[in-house]
Structures are given as structure tokens and as C-alpha cells.
Amino acid sequence: MAPQQSHTFPPVSTPVAARASLLWMTALLYLVQGIPIGLAFQAYPVLLRQGGAPLELIALVPLASLPWAFKFFWSPLVENRWSAAMGRRRSWIVPMQLLLALCLAAMAFQRFDAAHAPALLWLIAAASLASATQDIATDGLAADVLHGSGIAHINVLQVGGFMLGMLVGGPALLLGAELLGQTASMLALAAIVVLCGMPVWRWREGAAAAVTRQRASLRGFFRRPLALRLMVASMLATLTGSVLFGLAKLVLIDAGWSAASVAGLSGAGNSVMVLAGCALAALLLKWMTRWHALLGGLAILACASVLWLRISSAPAGAGTPLVWLATILIGLGIGVTSVCLYTLLMRYAQLGRQAATDFSIFQSTQTLGEIVIASAATALAARAGYGAGMLVGVASALLAIAVLLWVRRGAAHLDDAHD
């Protein structure tokens, strides 16, 4: 693909049906992007363990998703190079979706055991690279054509679609492997990717209304006002959810809960309530500004972290209703916080000249922060107990609220009223 000049897209005033079609097309892309994450963190470890792979090898599987943490390095390439015949965003979305489908199809013919684990790791890494690269172009597409309330709508669908993709690539695949076998289940995943990609394969990007000679670059992000402050604030906003999501299951396992009970709590409690949190965020964004809605999500996470601090201090005495309440609050808090935060960040990226690059930097730093804080909280819990690890979650929530209140004073233009 030859280098092209970057385009600045105007707000789109399309009919309601066309706007809805665009929203759902983008939502399907986000769903597909969650599948490799569900594979890496939920399905593959279980399938490999059932195939006799050692834990030391299984521990390497999540590392195959690292492209999501470092995608900002090649985001300027995605912004700057494309085929004029296919369109700026479709030039990357379509090939990456085909690559993802091919990787999943190839996995269908690999045995899930220690001997084939290296090949499977390379395939899941390639799938993660494809989905992370597609995500850069998809975020750019959303910022290009959706403005005003459309930004909130697409971020509800982004978080919800990605979570559904994780459920499809994780629990649904495990269930399918039991009922249909691993080969048929993996081929079904490949077919889902192809079906979800059909709308964007048929869609045609409109012509750009304005052309600028400025090329996307990482340096361009750091030269923008508020960029560093928003990057730090956005990273802090996701830390509490990461700590709670990682430690809560371990607390219950050590308290004598069965693996099946913890899995049910995690699926029905966390995952489903994240989707409910996305719906709640959509309502909050109609009633209040983006900043207030985001602070509300963080307040929910702060309450969840206090409850889990209480549970971790005496897990054997914690009743099931209290555990369920704390779990529900985690899911709601993560859903509300993620949607409101991404809505703010996408609006900020949209106001610049390299939306896909800027948004990718925000997401990558969040992912890196989540990995570091989750590992640090787990290590602290190993040395000083689960209570100490949960205190990290409480402190993260309070710090995030304080920093966001500070950053908000210089970023009021990102609120709905200023669109």
C-alpha cells in the first residue's frame, strides 16, 4: 500500500437507518476482536491443561496477547498507508479480518497438547496481532464518521461487543469443544469472524471532505495539549477493575469455593454485569456529562473494592449474598467506567488530526498499566495477604477520582454540551 495523505472527516448527517447500520457494523468488528482475548485468557489454558501441557507452558499463553499492549507502535502506519481503491480504514480491516479467520481455521487442525503448544502460541499471537491492528482502524473509522451522541453509542457497543467476543472465544468455545469437539468449534469461530466481516466487506467509505498533509506520528500525540494528563488519568481509571478482577477469584478459591462455582460467579456476575454496566453508561450519558458519568463508574468500583477488602479479611465468614453484591459491583463499575472513559478519549482523539493513533496510545498504556498493577497486587497479596492487595484497588480508585477531577478543569470541552 502506497503512502497517502491523511483525511479529516466531517460529522456525518446520515439517515437513522444508515447510522444504525454503521453502528452495528462497527459493533460486529469489536465482537470479533474480543475472540482472541477469550481464547488466550480462558479457553486455551483449559484445553492445553486437559491435553497434558505443563503449567509452565500454559503460563506463556496470555503473553501471546501482547500486541494489544504495543499496538500504538504501528498505529501511525495504519493511519498513513492505505489503498485508495479499498478506502482508508477498509484497507486494514478487511485483510486483518481474513488473517484472523485463517489463524482460527489453522488452530482447528492442531492438537491441544504440549507437542503442539508452540504452534498454537504462534497462531494465537498472529490472531492477536491481526485483531489489535484491526482495532486501530476500527477506532479510527468510528472517530471519522460518528459525532455527538454517536460517540457514546459506539463505545457502549465497543465494550459490550468486545466482552461478548471474549465470551464466544472463552466459555462458549469450551462448551462447544465438549459438545462438538475442538476442530468443529474452532472452525465455527472462523465462520463467525467471516460472517461478522461481511457488512464491512460490502460497505464503501465516503470521500473525504478535507485533506491535510500532516502525517500521523507518535510525536504528534505528545505535542497535543492535555495528552499526557489524559493518558495518566485514563490509565488510573482502569486499574481498580484490573486488581479486583484478578484477585477476587483467588480469594474465593482459597476460601474453599469450587472452581465451578467461581467460574459461574465470574461468568454470570462479572461478564454479564459488565454488559449491564454498558447499558447503564448509555443512560448516564443521557442524564449527565461524560466526566460526571465516569466519576460515577469509579465510585461504583471504589465501593466494590471496599467490599472485597472486607471479604478478603475474613473470606470464610463472607456470605454468598455479599460476594455476589461485590461481584455485581465490579462488573457494573467496569462497564460504566470503560464506556464513559472511551467516549471521552474518542472525543479527544477526534478533535485532533490522527484519531486512530491517539486512541491507540490511550488503550495501549491502559493495557500496560493493567498488566503491571495486576501483577503487583498479586505479588503483594502473596507476601502480605489478600487485604494488602485489595488496598491497592481502593487506593487506585481514590487516586483515579482525584486525578480526573484535576484533569477535568482543563478539559471541559470534551463534555457533551460542547460537541
Protein backbone atom coordinates (compact mmCIF):
# COMPACT_ATOMS: atom_id res chain seq x y z
CA MET A 1 0.00 0.00 0.00
CA ALA A 2 1.37 3.36 -1.00
CA PRO A 3 1.56 6.26 1.43
CA GLN A 4 -1.44 8.52 1.22
CA GLN A 5 -2.39 11.90 2.58
CA SER A 6 -4.49 11.71 5.74
CA HIS A 7 -8.14 12.78 5.66
CA THR A 8 -10.24 14.71 8.11
CA PHE A 9 -13.85 13.52 8.08
CA PRO A 10 -16.75 15.86 8.85
CA PRO A 11 -19.67 14.91 11.09
CA VAL A 12 -21.96 12.58 9.22
CA SER A 13 -25.61 13.53 8.95
CA THR A 14 -26.92 10.22 7.61
CA PRO A 15 -30.48 8.91 7.88
CA VAL A 16 -31.31 6.99 11.04
CA ALA A 17 -31.25 3.61 9.29
CA ALA A 18 -27.82 4.24 7.75
CA ARG A 19 -26.44 5.43 11.10
CA ALA A 20 -27.81 2.35 12.87
CA SER A 21 -26.30 0.12 10.17
CA LEU A 22 -22.91 1.76 10.64
CA LEU A 23 -23.11 1.33 14.43
CA TRP A 24 -23.91 -2.38 14.20
CA MET A 25 -21.27 -2.98 11.55
CA THR A 26 -18.68 -1.49 13.88
CA ALA A 27 -20.08 -3.42 16.85
CA LEU A 28 -19.56 -6.70 14.95
CA LEU A 29 -15.95 -5.73 14.35
CA TYR A 30 -15.44 -5.15 18.07
CA LEU A 31 -17.05 -8.52 18.85
CA VAL A 32 -14.60 -10.27 16.53
CA GLN A 33 -11.67 -8.51 18.19
CA GLY A 34 -12.60 -9.97 21.58
CA ILE A 35 -12.39 -13.58 20.39
CA PRO A 36 -8.56 -13.94 20.55
CA ILE A 37 -8.53 -12.47 24.07
CA GLY A 38 -11.12 -15.01 25.21
CA LEU A 39 -9.00 -17.74 23.64
CA ALA A 40 -5.77 -16.60 25.28
CA PHE A 41 -7.07 -15.99 28.79
CA GLN A 42 -9.88 -18.52 29.17
CA ALA A 43 -10.11 -21.29 26.57
CA TYR A 44 -6.51 -22.15 25.66
CA PRO A 45 -5.22 -22.67 29.23
CA VAL A 46 -8.07 -25.11 29.97
CA LEU A 47 -7.76 -27.01 26.66
CA LEU A 48 -3.97 -27.28 26.92
CA ARG A 49 -4.17 -28.47 30.53
CA GLN A 50 -6.70 -31.12 29.51
CA GLY A 51 -4.23 -32.17 26.83
CA GLY A 52 -1.48 -32.68 29.43
CA ALA A 53 0.54 -29.46 28.88
CA PRO A 54 2.58 -28.35 31.93
CA LEU A 55 1.62 -25.22 33.86
CA GLU A 56 4.95 -23.59 32.99
CA LEU A 57 3.98 -23.74 29.32
CA ILE A 58 0.40 -22.67 29.93
CA ALA A 59 1.67 -19.59 31.79
CA LEU A 60 3.08 -18.31 28.47
CA VAL A 61 -0.30 -18.29 26.69
CA PRO A 62 -1.50 -14.84 27.87
CA LEU A 63 1.77 -13.34 26.57
CA ALA A 64 0.50 -14.04 23.06
CA SER A 65 -1.93 -11.13 23.52
CA LEU A 66 0.88 -8.59 23.99
CA PRO A 67 0.23 -7.00 20.56
CA TRP A 68 -2.68 -5.26 22.25
CA ALA A 69 -0.28 -3.55 24.65
CA PHE A 70 2.13 -2.40 21.93
CA LYS A 71 -0.17 -1.67 19.00
CA PHE A 72 0.50 2.06 19.31
CA PHE A 73 3.94 1.49 17.75
CA TRP A 74 2.43 0.66 14.36
CA SER A 75 -0.72 2.80 14.64
CA PRO A 76 0.84 5.64 12.56
CA LEU A 77 1.48 3.11 9.77
CA VAL A 78 -2.22 2.19 9.80
CA GLU A 79 -3.12 5.89 9.61
CA ASN A 80 -0.64 6.85 6.90
CA ARG A 81 -0.80 3.99 4.40
CA TRP A 82 -3.82 2.55 2.62
CA SER A 83 -5.24 1.62 -0.76
CA ALA A 84 -7.32 4.32 -2.42
CA ALA A 85 -9.39 1.62 -4.13
CA MET A 86 -10.42 -0.02 -0.82
CA GLY A 87 -10.61 3.04 1.42
CA ARG A 88 -8.54 4.30 4.32
CA ARG A 89 -9.99 2.05 7.02
CA ARG A 90 -11.17 -0.91 4.96
CA SER A 91 -7.62 -1.35 3.60
CA TRP A 92 -6.65 -2.63 7.05
CA ILE A 93 -9.91 -4.00 8.46
CA VAL A 94 -10.64 -6.48 5.65
CA PRO A 95 -7.14 -8.09 5.38
CA MET A 96 -6.78 -8.32 9.17
CA GLN A 97 -10.18 -9.99 9.49
CA LEU A 98 -9.23 -12.53 6.83
CA LEU A 99 -5.92 -13.20 8.62
CA LEU A 100 -7.80 -13.74 11.90
CA ALA A 101 -10.20 -16.20 10.25
CA LEU A 102 -7.28 -18.12 8.72
CA CYS A 103 -5.50 -18.32 12.08
CA LEU A 104 -8.60 -19.72 13.76
CA ALA A 105 -9.10 -22.24 10.95
CA ALA A 106 -5.47 -23.35 11.27
CA MET A 107 -5.90 -23.82 15.04
CA ALA A 108 -8.77 -26.21 14.34
CA PHE A 109 -6.31 -28.76 12.94
CA GLN A 110 -3.78 -28.55 15.79
CA ARG A 111 -3.88 -30.88 18.77
CA PHE A 112 -4.08 -29.13 22.14
CA ASP A 113 -1.13 -30.79 23.84
CA ALA A 114 2.44 -29.95 24.85
CA ALA A 115 3.90 -31.04 21.49
CA HIS A 116 1.69 -28.66 19.50
CA ALA A 117 1.62 -25.83 22.05
CA PRO A 118 4.39 -23.77 20.35
CA ALA A 119 2.49 -23.76 17.03
CA LEU A 120 -0.71 -22.81 18.87
CA LEU A 121 1.09 -19.96 20.65
CA TRP A 122 2.32 -18.56 17.34
CA LEU A 123 -1.15 -18.81 15.87
CA ILE A 124 -2.82 -17.04 18.80
CA ALA A 125 -0.09 -14.38 18.65
CA ALA A 126 -0.81 -13.86 14.93
CA ALA A 127 -4.54 -13.71 15.68
CA SER A 128 -3.92 -11.12 18.41
CA LEU A 129 -1.74 -9.09 16.07
CA ALA A 130 -4.47 -9.16 13.41
CA SER A 131 -7.25 -8.18 15.84
CA ALA A 132 -5.17 -5.44 17.50
CA THR A 133 -4.30 -3.94 14.11
CA GLN A 134 -7.92 -4.15 13.03
CA ASP A 135 -8.86 -2.37 16.25
CA ILE A 136 -6.68 0.61 15.30
CA ALA A 137 -8.53 1.01 12.00
CA THR A 138 -11.94 0.34 13.59
CA ASP A 139 -11.40 3.03 16.25
CA GLY A 140 -10.30 5.41 13.50
CA LEU A 141 -13.42 4.58 11.50
CA ALA A 142 -15.65 5.28 14.50
CA ALA A 143 -13.93 8.61 15.16
CA ASP A 144 -14.12 9.53 11.46
CA VAL A 145 -17.85 9.20 10.99
CA LEU A 146 -19.58 9.31 14.39
CA HIS A 147 -20.05 12.53 16.30
CA GLY A 148 -22.18 13.80 19.17
CA SER A 149 -24.29 11.05 20.76
CA GLY A 150 -22.90 8.59 18.22
CA ILE A 151 -19.60 8.51 20.14
CA ALA A 152 -21.38 7.32 23.28
CA HIS A 153 -23.40 4.76 21.33
CA ILE A 154 -20.38 3.22 19.62
CA ASN A 155 -18.43 2.97 22.87
CA VAL A 156 -21.34 1.15 24.52
CA LEU A 157 -21.24 -1.27 21.59
CA GLN A 158 -17.43 -1.38 21.70
CA VAL A 159 -17.18 -2.53 25.31
CA GLY A 160 -20.25 -4.75 25.09
CA GLY A 161 -19.23 -6.28 21.76
CA PHE A 162 -15.68 -6.94 22.95
CA MET A 163 -17.00 -8.63 26.10
CA LEU A 164 -19.32 -10.81 24.02
CA GLY A 165 -16.36 -11.72 21.82
CA MET A 166 -14.42 -12.81 24.89
CA LEU A 167 -17.36 -14.98 25.97
CA VAL A 168 -17.55 -16.53 22.49
CA GLY A 169 -13.80 -17.20 22.40
CA GLY A 170 -13.71 -18.42 26.00
CA PRO A 171 -16.66 -20.14 27.75
CA ALA A 172 -18.64 -20.71 24.54
CA LEU A 173 -15.67 -22.39 22.85
CA LEU A 174 -15.09 -24.62 25.89
CA LEU A 175 -18.74 -25.66 25.85
CA GLY A 176 -18.58 -26.27 22.11
CA ALA A 177 -15.42 -28.35 22.48
CA GLU A 178 -17.27 -30.62 24.91
CA LEU A 179 -20.31 -31.00 22.66
CA LEU A 180 -18.90 -30.83 19.13
CA GLY A 181 -15.16 -31.38 19.51
CA GLN A 182 -12.28 -28.91 19.25
CA THR A 183 -11.98 -28.97 15.46
CA ALA A 184 -15.64 -28.17 14.78
CA SER A 185 -15.69 -25.49 17.48
CA MET A 186 -12.61 -23.69 16.14
CA LEU A 187 -13.97 -23.82 12.59
CA ALA A 188 -17.22 -22.34 13.92
CA LEU A 189 -15.21 -19.43 15.37
CA ALA A 190 -13.58 -18.85 11.99
CA ALA A 191 -17.04 -18.86 10.38
CA ILE A 192 -18.27 -16.28 12.92
CA VAL A 193 -15.37 -13.99 12.01
CA VAL A 194 -16.21 -14.30 8.30
CA LEU A 195 -19.93 -13.65 8.88
CA CYS A 196 -19.25 -10.64 11.11
CA GLY A 197 -16.93 -9.25 8.44
CA MET A 198 -19.40 -9.40 5.59
CA PRO A 199 -21.02 -5.99 6.28
CA VAL A 200 -17.71 -4.13 6.17
CA TRP A 201 -16.59 -6.05 3.07
CA ARG A 202 -19.66 -4.71 1.26
CA TRP A 203 -19.52 -1.20 2.77
CA ARG A 204 -17.88 1.63 0.86
CA GLU A 205 -16.18 4.55 2.56
CA GLY A 206 -17.31 8.02 1.53
CA ALA A 207 -14.98 10.55 0.03
CA ALA A 208 -13.07 12.80 2.39
CA ALA A 209 -14.26 16.37 2.65
CA ALA A 210 -10.88 17.84 3.51
CA VAL A 211 -7.28 16.85 3.02
CA THR A 212 -4.30 17.67 5.21
CA ARG A 213 -0.65 16.98 4.58
CA GLN A 214 0.12 16.23 8.20
CA ARG A 215 1.10 12.59 8.72
CA ALA A 216 0.24 10.64 11.84
CA SER A 217 3.09 10.08 14.31
CA LEU A 218 3.67 9.21 17.96
CA ARG A 219 5.35 12.60 18.40
CA GLY A 220 2.17 14.27 17.18
CA PHE A 221 0.25 12.78 20.11
CA PHE A 222 2.65 14.04 22.78
CA ARG A 223 2.61 17.54 21.30
CA ARG A 224 -1.14 17.88 21.82
CA PRO A 225 -2.41 19.83 24.85
CA LEU A 226 -3.70 17.62 27.69
CA ALA A 227 -2.39 14.45 26.02
CA LEU A 228 -0.11 13.35 28.86
CA ARG A 229 -2.57 14.27 31.59
CA LEU A 230 -5.38 12.38 29.88
CA MET A 231 -3.10 9.39 29.30
CA VAL A 232 -2.24 9.19 33.02
CA ALA A 233 -5.86 9.73 34.07
CA SER A 234 -7.18 7.09 31.68
CA MET A 235 -4.61 4.56 32.85
CA LEU A 236 -5.51 5.16 36.52
CA ALA A 237 -9.22 4.82 35.76
CA THR A 238 -8.88 1.17 34.74
CA LEU A 239 -6.51 -0.04 37.48
CA THR A 240 -9.09 -0.79 40.18
CA GLY A 241 -11.11 -3.06 37.91
CA SER A 242 -7.96 -4.94 36.92
CA VAL A 243 -6.94 -5.52 40.55
CA LEU A 244 -10.39 -6.72 41.61
CA PHE A 245 -10.88 -8.87 38.52
CA GLY A 246 -7.57 -10.64 39.18
CA LEU A 247 -7.70 -11.11 42.95
CA ALA A 248 -11.37 -11.82 43.64
CA LYS A 249 -11.34 -15.32 42.11
CA LEU A 250 -8.18 -16.26 44.03
CA VAL A 251 -9.73 -15.13 47.33
CA LEU A 252 -12.73 -17.39 46.77
CA ILE A 253 -10.67 -20.40 45.67
CA ASP A 254 -8.54 -20.15 48.82
CA ALA A 255 -11.74 -19.79 50.88
CA GLY A 256 -12.86 -23.22 49.66
CA TRP A 257 -15.15 -22.33 46.75
CA SER A 258 -15.19 -24.88 43.96
CA ALA A 259 -13.74 -24.00 40.58
CA ALA A 260 -17.18 -24.44 39.01
CA SER A 261 -18.76 -22.01 41.49
CA VAL A 262 -16.06 -19.42 40.89
CA ALA A 263 -16.40 -19.84 37.13
CA GLY A 264 -20.17 -19.35 37.37
CA LEU A 265 -19.73 -16.29 39.54
CA SER A 266 -17.15 -14.86 37.15
CA GLY A 267 -19.28 -15.52 34.06
CA ALA A 268 -22.75 -14.66 35.37
CA GLY A 269 -21.51 -11.99 37.77
CA ASN A 270 -18.61 -10.17 36.17
CA SER A 271 -19.15 -10.71 32.45
CA VAL A 272 -22.92 -10.27 32.36
CA MET A 273 -22.80 -7.30 34.70
CA VAL A 274 -20.16 -5.62 32.53
CA LEU A 275 -22.76 -5.74 29.75
CA ALA A 276 -25.34 -4.32 32.17
CA GLY A 277 -22.81 -1.62 33.06
CA CYS A 278 -22.57 -0.69 29.37
CA ALA A 279 -26.35 -0.21 29.26
CA LEU A 280 -26.24 1.82 32.48
CA ALA A 281 -23.50 4.00 30.98
CA ALA A 282 -25.72 4.74 27.98
CA LEU A 283 -28.41 6.02 30.35
CA LEU A 284 -25.98 8.03 32.47
CA LEU A 285 -24.54 9.73 29.39
CA LYS A 286 -28.05 10.98 28.55
CA TRP A 287 -28.57 12.44 32.02
CA MET A 288 -25.17 13.94 32.82
CA THR A 289 -21.84 14.96 31.33
CA ARG A 290 -19.20 12.41 30.39
CA TRP A 291 -16.98 13.45 33.28
CA HIS A 292 -19.72 13.00 35.88
CA ALA A 293 -20.72 9.62 34.42
CA LEU A 294 -17.08 8.47 34.51
CA LEU A 295 -16.72 9.59 38.12
CA GLY A 296 -19.91 7.65 38.91
CA GLY A 297 -18.38 4.48 37.44
CA LEU A 298 -15.25 4.96 39.54
CA ALA A 299 -17.39 5.47 42.64
CA ILE A 300 -19.04 2.08 41.97
CA LEU A 301 -15.59 0.47 41.67
CA ALA A 302 -14.48 2.16 44.89
CA CYS A 303 -17.48 0.63 46.69
CA ALA A 304 -16.67 -2.78 45.17
CA SER A 305 -13.05 -2.55 46.31
CA VAL A 306 -14.13 -1.73 49.88
CA LEU A 307 -16.47 -4.75 49.89
CA TRP A 308 -13.73 -7.03 48.60
CA LEU A 309 -11.37 -5.64 51.21
CA ARG A 310 -13.93 -6.71 53.81
CA ILE A 311 -14.39 -10.14 52.22
CA SER A 312 -10.65 -10.78 51.92
CA SER A 313 -10.13 -10.02 55.62
CA ALA A 314 -12.41 -12.94 56.58
CA PRO A 315 -13.30 -14.91 53.42
CA ALA A 316 -14.58 -17.94 55.29
CA GLY A 317 -17.18 -15.81 57.03
CA ALA A 318 -18.31 -13.92 53.94
CA GLY A 319 -21.79 -14.94 52.90
CA THR A 320 -22.75 -15.70 49.33
CA PRO A 321 -25.04 -12.62 49.03
CA LEU A 322 -22.17 -10.30 50.00
CA VAL A 323 -19.86 -11.97 47.47
CA TRP A 324 -22.48 -11.65 44.75
CA LEU A 325 -23.07 -7.99 45.57
CA ALA A 326 -19.35 -7.26 45.40
CA THR A 327 -19.06 -9.18 42.12
CA ILE A 328 -22.02 -7.36 40.59
CA LEU A 329 -20.49 -4.01 41.54
CA ILE A 330 -17.21 -4.97 39.84
CA GLY A 331 -19.00 -5.72 36.58
CA LEU A 332 -21.18 -2.61 36.71
CA GLY A 333 -18.22 -0.40 37.61
CA ILE A 334 -16.02 -1.78 34.82
CA GLY A 335 -18.82 -1.40 32.25
CA VAL A 336 -19.71 2.18 33.20
CA THR A 337 -16.09 3.28 33.57
CA SER A 338 -14.95 1.74 30.29
CA VAL A 339 -17.77 3.19 28.18
CA CYS A 340 -17.55 6.69 29.68
CA LEU A 341 -13.76 6.75 29.54
CA TYR A 342 -13.62 5.60 25.91
CA THR A 343 -16.27 8.17 24.99
CA LEU A 344 -14.11 10.95 26.42
CA LEU A 345 -10.92 9.64 24.84
CA MET A 346 -12.51 9.13 21.43
CA ARG A 347 -13.83 12.68 21.51
CA TYR A 348 -10.34 13.94 22.32
CA ALA A 349 -8.80 11.83 19.54
CA GLN A 350 -11.48 13.04 17.15
CA LEU A 351 -10.56 16.68 17.75
CA GLY A 352 -7.02 16.02 16.53
CA ARG A 353 -5.66 15.02 13.12
CA GLN A 354 -4.71 11.37 13.85
CA ALA A 355 -7.66 9.83 15.67
CA ALA A 356 -6.66 6.16 15.32
CA THR A 357 -3.11 6.76 16.53
CA ASP A 358 -4.12 8.89 19.51
CA PHE A 359 -6.83 6.46 20.66
CA SER A 360 -4.44 3.50 20.28
CA ILE A 361 -1.90 5.18 22.55
CA PHE A 362 -4.54 5.63 25.24
CA GLN A 363 -5.63 1.99 25.01
CA SER A 364 -2.09 0.59 24.92
CA THR A 365 -0.99 2.49 28.02
CA GLN A 366 -4.12 1.29 29.80
CA THR A 367 -3.32 -2.31 28.93
CA LEU A 368 0.26 -1.97 30.12
CA GLY A 369 -0.90 -0.34 33.34
CA GLU A 370 -3.42 -3.11 33.97
CA ILE A 371 -0.79 -5.80 33.45
CA VAL A 372 1.66 -4.11 35.83
CA ILE A 373 -0.86 -3.30 38.57
CA ALA A 374 -2.49 -6.74 38.48
CA SER A 375 0.90 -8.44 38.79
CA ALA A 376 2.00 -6.05 41.56
CA ALA A 377 -1.23 -6.52 43.54
CA THR A 378 -0.96 -10.32 43.23
CA ALA A 379 2.69 -10.25 44.35
CA LEU A 380 1.76 -8.02 47.30
CA ALA A 381 -1.08 -10.38 48.22
CA ALA A 382 1.37 -13.31 48.20
CA ARG A 383 3.63 -11.50 50.68
CA ALA A 384 1.21 -9.57 52.88
CA GLY A 385 -2.18 -11.19 52.31
CA TYR A 386 -5.18 -10.52 50.12
CA GLY A 387 -6.15 -7.49 52.20
CA ALA A 388 -2.98 -5.69 51.19
CA GLY A 389 -3.64 -6.49 47.54
CA MET A 390 -7.22 -5.20 47.79
CA LEU A 391 -5.92 -1.98 49.37
CA VAL A 392 -4.17 -1.35 46.06
CA GLY A 393 -7.58 -1.41 44.42
CA VAL A 394 -9.05 1.02 46.95
CA ALA A 395 -6.08 3.39 46.58
CA SER A 396 -6.24 3.19 42.78
CA ALA A 397 -9.93 4.17 42.74
CA LEU A 398 -9.42 7.14 45.06
CA LEU A 399 -6.35 8.31 43.16
CA ALA A 400 -8.15 7.99 39.83
CA ILE A 401 -11.06 10.10 41.11
CA ALA A 402 -8.69 12.80 42.39
CA VAL A 403 -6.69 12.93 39.15
CA LEU A 404 -9.81 13.02 36.97
CA LEU A 405 -11.22 15.93 38.98
CA TRP A 406 -7.94 17.77 38.37
CA VAL A 407 -7.76 16.96 34.65
CA ARG A 408 -11.42 17.85 34.10
CA ARG A 409 -10.78 21.52 34.87
CA GLY A 410 -8.78 21.87 31.68
CA ALA A 411 -10.87 19.57 29.50
CA ALA A 412 -14.45 20.77 29.83
CA HIS A 413 -14.66 20.91 26.01
CA LEU A 414 -14.85 17.11 25.93
CA ASP A 415 -18.31 17.13 27.55
CA ASP A 416 -21.47 16.53 25.53
CA ALA A 417 -22.54 20.14 25.80
CA HIS A 418 -19.52 21.22 23.78
CA ASP A 419 -19.94 18.79 20.86
